[in-house]
Amino acid sequence: MENGHGAAGLMPFGIGHNGGPPLDPGAGWRHFCWKKAHANAWKTPPREIALARLARAEALGISYRDYTAALLDTGVHL
């Protein structure tokens, strides 16, 4: 341990912390909404769209998942 902060430089949790979920209001609802939106974004697209994305990803030399992630993050076709 370096400087008493652990190997990664992070402060350890305080006394009495049980590592449970955050207690801020709405955290559970935000997590539920995020998981639902994530599932909707990554659902399987129609066959024609998936094949077009796959062809474009192969032409760029990247994986289908990387291409789709970039498309979902930026909204721009690479």
PDB file of N, CA and C in Angstrom:
ATOM      1  N   MET A   1       0.842  -1.177   0.000  1.00  0.00           N
ATOM      2  CA  MET A   1       0.000   0.000   0.000  1.00  0.00           C
ATOM      3  C   MET A   1       0.881   1.230   0.000  1.00  0.00           C
ATOM      4  N   GLU A   2       0.554   2.122  -0.877  1.00  0.00           N
ATOM      5  CA  GLU A   2       1.337   3.331  -1.012  1.00  0.00           C
ATOM      6  C   GLU A   2       0.534   4.507  -0.484  1.00  0.00           C
ATOM      7  N   ASN A   3       1.082   5.269   0.427  1.00  0.00           N
ATOM      8  CA  ASN A   3       0.423   6.433   1.013  1.00  0.00           C
ATOM      9  C   ASN A   3      -0.883   6.076   1.718  1.00  0.00           C
ATOM     10  N   GLY A   4      -1.070   4.821   2.078  1.00  0.00           N
ATOM     11  CA  GLY A   4      -2.266   4.422   2.805  1.00  0.00           C
ATOM     12  C   GLY A   4      -3.538   4.427   1.980  1.00  0.00           C
ATOM     13  N   HIS A   5      -3.412   4.487   0.657  1.00  0.00           N
ATOM     14  CA  HIS A   5      -4.591   4.561  -0.197  1.00  0.00           C
ATOM     15  C   HIS A   5      -4.842   3.274  -0.969  1.00  0.00           C
ATOM     16  N   GLY A   6      -4.156   2.228  -0.700  1.00  0.00           N
ATOM     17  CA  GLY A   6      -4.357   0.976  -1.415  1.00  0.00           C
ATOM     18  C   GLY A   6      -3.602   0.950  -2.718  1.00  0.00           C
ATOM     19  N   ALA A   7      -3.696  -0.159  -3.421  1.00  0.00           N
ATOM     20  CA  ALA A   7      -2.923  -0.368  -4.635  1.00  0.00           C
ATOM     21  C   ALA A   7      -3.375   0.542  -5.767  1.00  0.00           C
ATOM     22  N   ALA A   8      -4.666   0.814  -5.863  1.00  0.00           N
ATOM     23  CA  ALA A   8      -5.176   1.612  -6.979  1.00  0.00           C
ATOM     24  C   ALA A   8      -5.239   3.090  -6.640  1.00  0.00           C
ATOM     25  N   GLY A   9      -4.824   3.485  -5.443  1.00  0.00           N
ATOM     26  CA  GLY A   9      -4.869   4.883  -5.065  1.00  0.00           C
ATOM     27  C   GLY A   9      -6.252   5.324  -4.607  1.00  0.00           C
ATOM     28  N   LEU A  10      -7.153   4.383  -4.348  1.00  0.00           N
ATOM     29  CA  LEU A  10      -8.501   4.717  -3.921  1.00  0.00           C
ATOM     30  C   LEU A  10      -8.591   4.660  -2.405  1.00  0.00           C
ATOM     31  N   MET A  11      -9.406   5.530  -1.853  1.00  0.00           N
ATOM     32  CA  MET A  11      -9.622   5.514  -0.413  1.00  0.00           C
ATOM     33  C   MET A  11     -10.524   4.333  -0.062  1.00  0.00           C
ATOM     34  N   PRO A  12     -10.225   3.598   0.996  1.00  0.00           N
ATOM     35  CA  PRO A  12     -11.096   2.500   1.411  1.00  0.00           C
ATOM     36  C   PRO A  12     -12.397   3.060   1.971  1.00  0.00           C
ATOM     37  N   PHE A  13     -13.447   2.240   1.970  1.00  0.00           N
ATOM     38  CA  PHE A  13     -14.720   2.658   2.529  1.00  0.00           C
ATOM     39  C   PHE A  13     -14.573   2.895   4.014  1.00  0.00           C
ATOM     40  N   GLY A  14     -15.386   3.770   4.556  1.00  0.00           N
ATOM     41  CA  GLY A  14     -15.336   4.100   5.970  1.00  0.00           C
ATOM     42  C   GLY A  14     -15.902   3.010   6.855  1.00  0.00           C
ATOM     43  N   ILE A  15     -15.755   3.199   8.138  1.00  0.00           N
ATOM     44  CA  ILE A  15     -16.263   2.242   9.118  1.00  0.00           C
ATOM     45  C   ILE A  15     -17.782   2.180   8.994  1.00  0.00           C
ATOM     46  N   GLY A  16     -18.302   0.964   8.973  1.00  0.00           N
ATOM     47  CA  GLY A  16     -19.740   0.767   8.914  1.00  0.00           C
ATOM     48  C   GLY A  16     -20.294   0.670   7.508  1.00  0.00           C
ATOM     49  N   HIS A  17     -19.458   0.843   6.495  1.00  0.00           N
ATOM     50  CA  HIS A  17     -19.944   0.736   5.115  1.00  0.00           C
ATOM     51  C   HIS A  17     -20.049  -0.735   4.761  1.00  0.00           C
ATOM     52  N   ASN A  18     -21.240  -1.142   4.304  1.00  0.00           N
ATOM     53  CA  ASN A  18     -21.438  -2.556   4.015  1.00  0.00           C
ATOM     54  C   ASN A  18     -21.379  -2.874   2.522  1.00  0.00           C
ATOM     55  N   GLY A  19     -21.034  -1.889   1.696  1.00  0.00           N
ATOM     56  CA  GLY A  19     -20.927  -2.133   0.267  1.00  0.00           C
ATOM     57  C   GLY A  19     -22.276  -2.283  -0.410  1.00  0.00           C
ATOM     58  N   GLY A  20     -23.342  -1.852   0.250  1.00  0.00           N
ATOM     59  CA  GLY A  20     -24.681  -1.963  -0.313  1.00  0.00           C
ATOM     60  C   GLY A  20     -24.939  -0.930  -1.400  1.00  0.00           C
ATOM     61  N   PRO A  21     -26.167  -0.902  -1.916  1.00  0.00           N
ATOM     62  CA  PRO A  21     -26.502   0.023  -2.994  1.00  0.00           C
ATOM     63  C   PRO A  21     -26.496   1.468  -2.501  1.00  0.00           C
ATOM     64  N   PRO A  22     -26.383   2.417  -3.406  1.00  0.00           N
ATOM     65  CA  PRO A  22     -26.421   3.827  -2.999  1.00  0.00           C
ATOM     66  C   PRO A  22     -27.793   4.159  -2.401  1.00  0.00           C
ATOM     67  N   LEU A  23     -27.815   5.063  -1.476  1.00  0.00           N
ATOM     68  CA  LEU A  23     -29.051   5.400  -0.794  1.00  0.00           C
ATOM     69  C   LEU A  23     -29.666   6.707  -1.301  1.00  0.00           C
ATOM     70  N   ASP A  24     -29.097   7.290  -2.349  1.00  0.00           N
ATOM     71  CA  ASP A  24     -29.670   8.533  -2.841  1.00  0.00           C
ATOM     72  C   ASP A  24     -31.038   8.272  -3.472  1.00  0.00           C
ATOM     73  N   PRO A  25     -31.973   9.210  -3.322  1.00  0.00           N
ATOM     74  CA  PRO A  25     -33.328   9.018  -3.851  1.00  0.00           C
ATOM     75  C   PRO A  25     -33.315   8.826  -5.367  1.00  0.00           C
ATOM     76  N   GLY A  26     -34.070   7.878  -5.841  1.00  0.00           N
ATOM     77  CA  GLY A  26     -34.202   7.655  -7.270  1.00  0.00           C
ATOM     78  C   GLY A  26     -33.139   6.779  -7.889  1.00  0.00           C
ATOM     79  N   ALA A  27     -32.164   6.312  -7.120  1.00  0.00           N
ATOM     80  CA  ALA A  27     -31.083   5.511  -7.694  1.00  0.00           C
ATOM     81  C   ALA A  27     -31.617   4.212  -8.291  1.00  0.00           C
ATOM     82  N   GLY A  28     -32.550   3.578  -7.621  1.00  0.00           N
ATOM     83  CA  GLY A  28     -33.126   2.337  -8.127  1.00  0.00           C
ATOM     84  C   GLY A  28     -33.904   2.557  -9.423  1.00  0.00           C
ATOM     85  N   TRP A  29     -34.646   3.658  -9.475  1.00  0.00           N
ATOM     86  CA  TRP A  29     -35.431   3.979 -10.680  1.00  0.00           C
ATOM     87  C   TRP A  29     -34.507   4.293 -11.848  1.00  0.00           C
ATOM     88  N   ARG A  30     -33.450   5.072 -11.614  1.00  0.00           N
ATOM     89  CA  ARG A  30     -32.496   5.393 -12.687  1.00  0.00           C
ATOM     90  C   ARG A  30     -31.829   4.125 -13.207  1.00  0.00           C
ATOM     91  N   HIS A  31     -31.484   3.214 -12.308  1.00  0.00           N
ATOM     92  CA  HIS A  31     -30.854   1.961 -12.714  1.00  0.00           C
ATOM     93  C   HIS A  31     -31.821   1.140 -13.574  1.00  0.00           C
ATOM     94  N   PHE A  32     -33.082   1.072 -13.151  1.00  0.00           N
ATOM     95  CA  PHE A  32     -34.094   0.346 -13.921  1.00  0.00           C
ATOM     96  C   PHE A  32     -34.243   0.955 -15.312  1.00  0.00           C
ATOM     97  N   CYS A  33     -34.347   2.279 -15.387  1.00  0.00           N
ATOM     98  CA  CYS A  33     -34.505   2.959 -16.679  1.00  0.00           C
ATOM     99  C   CYS A  33     -33.290   2.745 -17.570  1.00  0.00           C
ATOM    100  N   TRP A  34     -32.081   2.808 -16.989  1.00  0.00           N
ATOM    101  CA  TRP A  34     -30.870   2.613 -17.770  1.00  0.00           C
ATOM    102  C   TRP A  34     -30.832   1.207 -18.340  1.00  0.00           C
ATOM    103  N   LYS A  35     -31.146   0.211 -17.522  1.00  0.00           N
ATOM    104  CA  LYS A  35     -31.113  -1.174 -17.999  1.00  0.00           C
ATOM    105  C   LYS A  35     -32.118  -1.393 -19.123  1.00  0.00           C
ATOM    106  N   LYS A  36     -33.297  -0.793 -19.025  1.00  0.00           N
ATOM    107  CA  LYS A  36     -34.324  -0.937 -20.050  1.00  0.00           C
ATOM    108  C   LYS A  36     -33.876  -0.256 -21.350  1.00  0.00           C
ATOM    109  N   ALA A  37     -33.317   0.950 -21.241  1.00  0.00           N
ATOM    110  CA  ALA A  37     -32.839   1.664 -22.425  1.00  0.00           C
ATOM    111  C   ALA A  37     -31.671   0.913 -23.072  1.00  0.00           C
ATOM    112  N   HIS A  38     -30.771   0.369 -22.260  1.00  0.00           N
ATOM    113  CA  HIS A  38     -29.632  -0.387 -22.781  1.00  0.00           C
ATOM    114  C   HIS A  38     -30.115  -1.615 -23.545  1.00  0.00           C
ATOM    115  N   ALA A  39     -31.090  -2.323 -22.982  1.00  0.00           N
ATOM    116  CA  ALA A  39     -31.628  -3.514 -23.649  1.00  0.00           C
ATOM    117  C   ALA A  39     -32.299  -3.140 -24.970  1.00  0.00           C
ATOM    118  N   ASN A  40     -33.032  -2.026 -24.990  1.00  0.00           N
ATOM    119  CA  ASN A  40     -33.688  -1.593 -26.225  1.00  0.00           C
ATOM    120  C   ASN A  40     -32.671  -1.180 -27.287  1.00  0.00           C
ATOM    121  N   ALA A  41     -31.601  -0.533 -26.873  1.00  0.00           N
ATOM    122  CA  ALA A  41     -30.590  -0.081 -27.834  1.00  0.00           C
ATOM    123  C   ALA A  41     -29.859  -1.260 -28.464  1.00  0.00           C
ATOM    124  N   TRP A  42     -29.633  -2.324 -27.697  1.00  0.00           N
ATOM    125  CA  TRP A  42     -28.870  -3.468 -28.188  1.00  0.00           C
ATOM    126  C   TRP A  42     -29.737  -4.609 -28.695  1.00  0.00           C
ATOM    127  N   LYS A  43     -31.062  -4.404 -28.800  1.00  0.00           N
ATOM    128  CA  LYS A  43     -31.885  -5.494 -29.330  1.00  0.00           C
ATOM    129  C   LYS A  43     -31.526  -5.737 -30.793  1.00  0.00           C
ATOM    130  N   THR A  44     -31.781  -6.925 -31.260  1.00  0.00           N
ATOM    131  CA  THR A  44     -31.398  -7.305 -32.611  1.00  0.00           C
ATOM    132  C   THR A  44     -32.186  -6.499 -33.639  1.00  0.00           C
ATOM    133  N   PRO A  45     -31.482  -5.792 -34.541  1.00  0.00           N
ATOM    134  CA  PRO A  45     -32.177  -5.014 -35.566  1.00  0.00           C
ATOM    135  C   PRO A  45     -32.704  -5.930 -36.668  1.00  0.00           C
ATOM    136  N   PRO A  46     -33.518  -5.396 -37.563  1.00  0.00           N
ATOM    137  CA  PRO A  46     -33.963  -6.210 -38.705  1.00  0.00           C
ATOM    138  C   PRO A  46     -32.762  -6.746 -39.493  1.00  0.00           C
ATOM    139  N   ARG A  47     -32.977  -7.851 -40.182  1.00  0.00           N
ATOM    140  CA  ARG A  47     -31.899  -8.555 -40.886  1.00  0.00           C
ATOM    141  C   ARG A  47     -31.132  -7.646 -41.844  1.00  0.00           C
ATOM    142  N   GLU A  48     -31.841  -6.838 -42.610  1.00  0.00           N
ATOM    143  CA  GLU A  48     -31.186  -5.967 -43.599  1.00  0.00           C
ATOM    144  C   GLU A  48     -30.248  -4.966 -42.930  1.00  0.00           C
ATOM    145  N   ILE A  49     -30.667  -4.410 -41.811  1.00  0.00           N
ATOM    146  CA  ILE A  49     -29.835  -3.439 -41.091  1.00  0.00           C
ATOM    147  C   ILE A  49     -28.614  -4.128 -40.504  1.00  0.00           C
ATOM    148  N   ALA A  50     -28.812  -5.297 -39.909  1.00  0.00           N
ATOM    149  CA  ALA A  50     -27.684  -6.035 -39.325  1.00  0.00           C
ATOM    150  C   ALA A  50     -26.659  -6.396 -40.389  1.00  0.00           C
ATOM    151  N   LEU A  51     -27.128  -6.838 -41.558  1.00  0.00           N
ATOM    152  CA  LEU A  51     -26.193  -7.196 -42.633  1.00  0.00           C
ATOM    153  C   LEU A  51     -25.455  -5.969 -43.159  1.00  0.00           C
ATOM    154  N   ALA A  52     -26.145  -4.841 -43.263  1.00  0.00           N
ATOM    155  CA  ALA A  52     -25.488  -3.612 -43.719  1.00  0.00           C
ATOM    156  C   ALA A  52     -24.424  -3.157 -42.717  1.00  0.00           C
ATOM    157  N   ARG A  53     -24.749  -3.221 -41.432  1.00  0.00           N
ATOM    158  CA  ARG A  53     -23.775  -2.852 -40.394  1.00  0.00           C
ATOM    159  C   ARG A  53     -22.578  -3.800 -40.412  1.00  0.00           C
ATOM    160  N   LEU A  54     -22.842  -5.084 -40.576  1.00  0.00           N
ATOM    161  CA  LEU A  54     -21.767  -6.071 -40.617  1.00  0.00           C
ATOM    162  C   LEU A  54     -20.842  -5.816 -41.806  1.00  0.00           C
ATOM    163  N   ALA A  55     -21.418  -5.547 -42.980  1.00  0.00           N
ATOM    164  CA  ALA A  55     -20.606  -5.276 -44.172  1.00  0.00           C
ATOM    165  C   ALA A  55     -19.756  -4.021 -43.970  1.00  0.00           C
ATOM    166  N   ARG A  56     -20.343  -2.967 -43.393  1.00  0.00           N
ATOM    167  CA  ARG A  56     -19.598  -1.722 -43.161  1.00  0.00           C
ATOM    168  C   ARG A  56     -18.487  -1.943 -42.130  1.00  0.00           C
ATOM    169  N   ALA A  57     -18.786  -2.713 -41.073  1.00  0.00           N
ATOM    170  CA  ALA A  57     -17.777  -2.988 -40.053  1.00  0.00           C
ATOM    171  C   ALA A  57     -16.617  -3.778 -40.633  1.00  0.00           C
ATOM    172  N   GLU A  58     -16.910  -4.780 -41.471  1.00  0.00           N
ATOM    173  CA  GLU A  58     -15.843  -5.564 -42.097  1.00  0.00           C
ATOM    174  C   GLU A  58     -15.008  -4.704 -43.031  1.00  0.00           C
ATOM    175  N   ALA A  59     -15.658  -3.778 -43.752  1.00  0.00           N
ATOM    176  CA  ALA A  59     -14.922  -2.887 -44.651  1.00  0.00           C
ATOM    177  C   ALA A  59     -13.977  -1.976 -43.870  1.00  0.00           C
ATOM    178  N   LEU A  60     -14.387  -1.607 -42.644  1.00  0.00           N
ATOM    179  CA  LEU A  60     -13.547  -0.749 -41.802  1.00  0.00           C
ATOM    180  C   LEU A  60     -12.527  -1.536 -40.991  1.00  0.00           C
ATOM    181  N   GLY A  61     -12.675  -2.858 -40.971  1.00  0.00           N
ATOM    182  CA  GLY A  61     -11.737  -3.694 -40.226  1.00  0.00           C
ATOM    183  C   GLY A  61     -12.010  -3.728 -38.732  1.00  0.00           C
ATOM    184  N   ILE A  62     -13.255  -3.493 -38.326  1.00  0.00           N
ATOM    185  CA  ILE A  62     -13.611  -3.555 -36.911  1.00  0.00           C
ATOM    186  C   ILE A  62     -14.748  -4.561 -36.737  1.00  0.00           C
ATOM    187  N   SER A  63     -15.032  -4.896 -35.492  1.00  0.00           N
ATOM    188  CA  SER A  63     -16.091  -5.873 -35.227  1.00  0.00           C
ATOM    189  C   SER A  63     -17.464  -5.215 -35.349  1.00  0.00           C
ATOM    190  N   TYR A  64     -18.468  -6.059 -35.553  1.00  0.00           N
ATOM    191  CA  TYR A  64     -19.848  -5.578 -35.631  1.00  0.00           C
ATOM    192  C   TYR A  64     -20.225  -4.852 -34.344  1.00  0.00           C
ATOM    193  N   ARG A  65     -19.822  -5.430 -33.203  1.00  0.00           N
ATOM    194  CA  ARG A  65     -20.167  -4.823 -31.916  1.00  0.00           C
ATOM    195  C   ARG A  65     -19.514  -3.451 -31.755  1.00  0.00           C
ATOM    196  N   ASP A  66     -18.253  -3.309 -32.146  1.00  0.00           N
ATOM    197  CA  ASP A  66     -17.577  -2.014 -32.058  1.00  0.00           C
ATOM    198  C   ASP A  66     -18.241  -0.984 -32.979  1.00  0.00           C
ATOM    199  N   TYR A  67     -18.597  -1.421 -34.186  1.00  0.00           N
ATOM    200  CA  TYR A  67     -19.252  -0.512 -35.132  1.00  0.00           C
ATOM    201  C   TYR A  67     -20.604  -0.063 -34.580  1.00  0.00           C
ATOM    202  N   THR A  68     -21.387  -1.012 -34.060  1.00  0.00           N
ATOM    203  CA  THR A  68     -22.698  -0.678 -33.532  1.00  0.00           C
ATOM    204  C   THR A  68     -22.584   0.220 -32.310  1.00  0.00           C
ATOM    205  N   ALA A  69     -21.588  -0.033 -31.457  1.00  0.00           N
ATOM    206  CA  ALA A  69     -21.389   0.810 -30.277  1.00  0.00           C
ATOM    207  C   ALA A  69     -21.064   2.241 -30.686  1.00  0.00           C
ATOM    208  N   ALA A  70     -20.214   2.411 -31.683  1.00  0.00           N
ATOM    209  CA  ALA A  70     -19.884   3.750 -32.162  1.00  0.00           C
ATOM    210  C   ALA A  70     -21.112   4.425 -32.750  1.00  0.00           C
ATOM    211  N   LEU A  71     -21.919   3.676 -33.477  1.00  0.00           N
ATOM    212  CA  LEU A  71     -23.129   4.214 -34.068  1.00  0.00           C
ATOM    213  C   LEU A  71     -24.115   4.640 -32.986  1.00  0.00           C
ATOM    214  N   LEU A  72     -24.289   3.822 -31.957  1.00  0.00           N
ATOM    215  CA  LEU A  72     -25.199   4.165 -30.871  1.00  0.00           C
ATOM    216  C   LEU A  72     -24.678   5.338 -30.044  1.00  0.00           C
ATOM    217  N   ASP A  73     -23.359   5.428 -29.859  1.00  0.00           N
ATOM    218  CA  ASP A  73     -22.784   6.513 -29.064  1.00  0.00           C
ATOM    219  C   ASP A  73     -22.862   7.858 -29.779  1.00  0.00           C
ATOM    220  N   THR A  74     -22.570   7.869 -31.076  1.00  0.00           N
ATOM    221  CA  THR A  74     -22.453   9.137 -31.779  1.00  0.00           C
ATOM    222  C   THR A  74     -23.614   9.428 -32.718  1.00  0.00           C
ATOM    223  N   GLY A  75     -24.295   8.377 -33.180  1.00  0.00           N
ATOM    224  CA  GLY A  75     -25.378   8.574 -34.138  1.00  0.00           C
ATOM    225  C   GLY A  75     -24.846   8.787 -35.549  1.00  0.00           C
ATOM    226  N   VAL A  76     -23.544   8.568 -35.738  1.00  0.00           N
ATOM    227  CA  VAL A  76     -22.903   8.791 -37.032  1.00  0.00           C
ATOM    228  C   VAL A  76     -22.417   7.461 -37.596  1.00  0.00           C
ATOM    229  N   HIS A  77     -22.704   7.216 -38.858  1.00  0.00           N
ATOM    230  CA  HIS A  77     -22.184   6.028 -39.517  1.00  0.00           C
ATOM    231  C   HIS A  77     -20.725   6.276 -39.846  1.00  0.00           C
ATOM    232  N   LEU A  78     -19.835   5.395 -39.396  1.00  0.00           N
ATOM    233  CA  LEU A  78     -18.393   5.573 -39.621  1.00  0.00           C
ATOM    234  C   LEU A  78     -18.041   5.399 -41.074  1.00  0.00           C
TER     235      LEU A  78
END
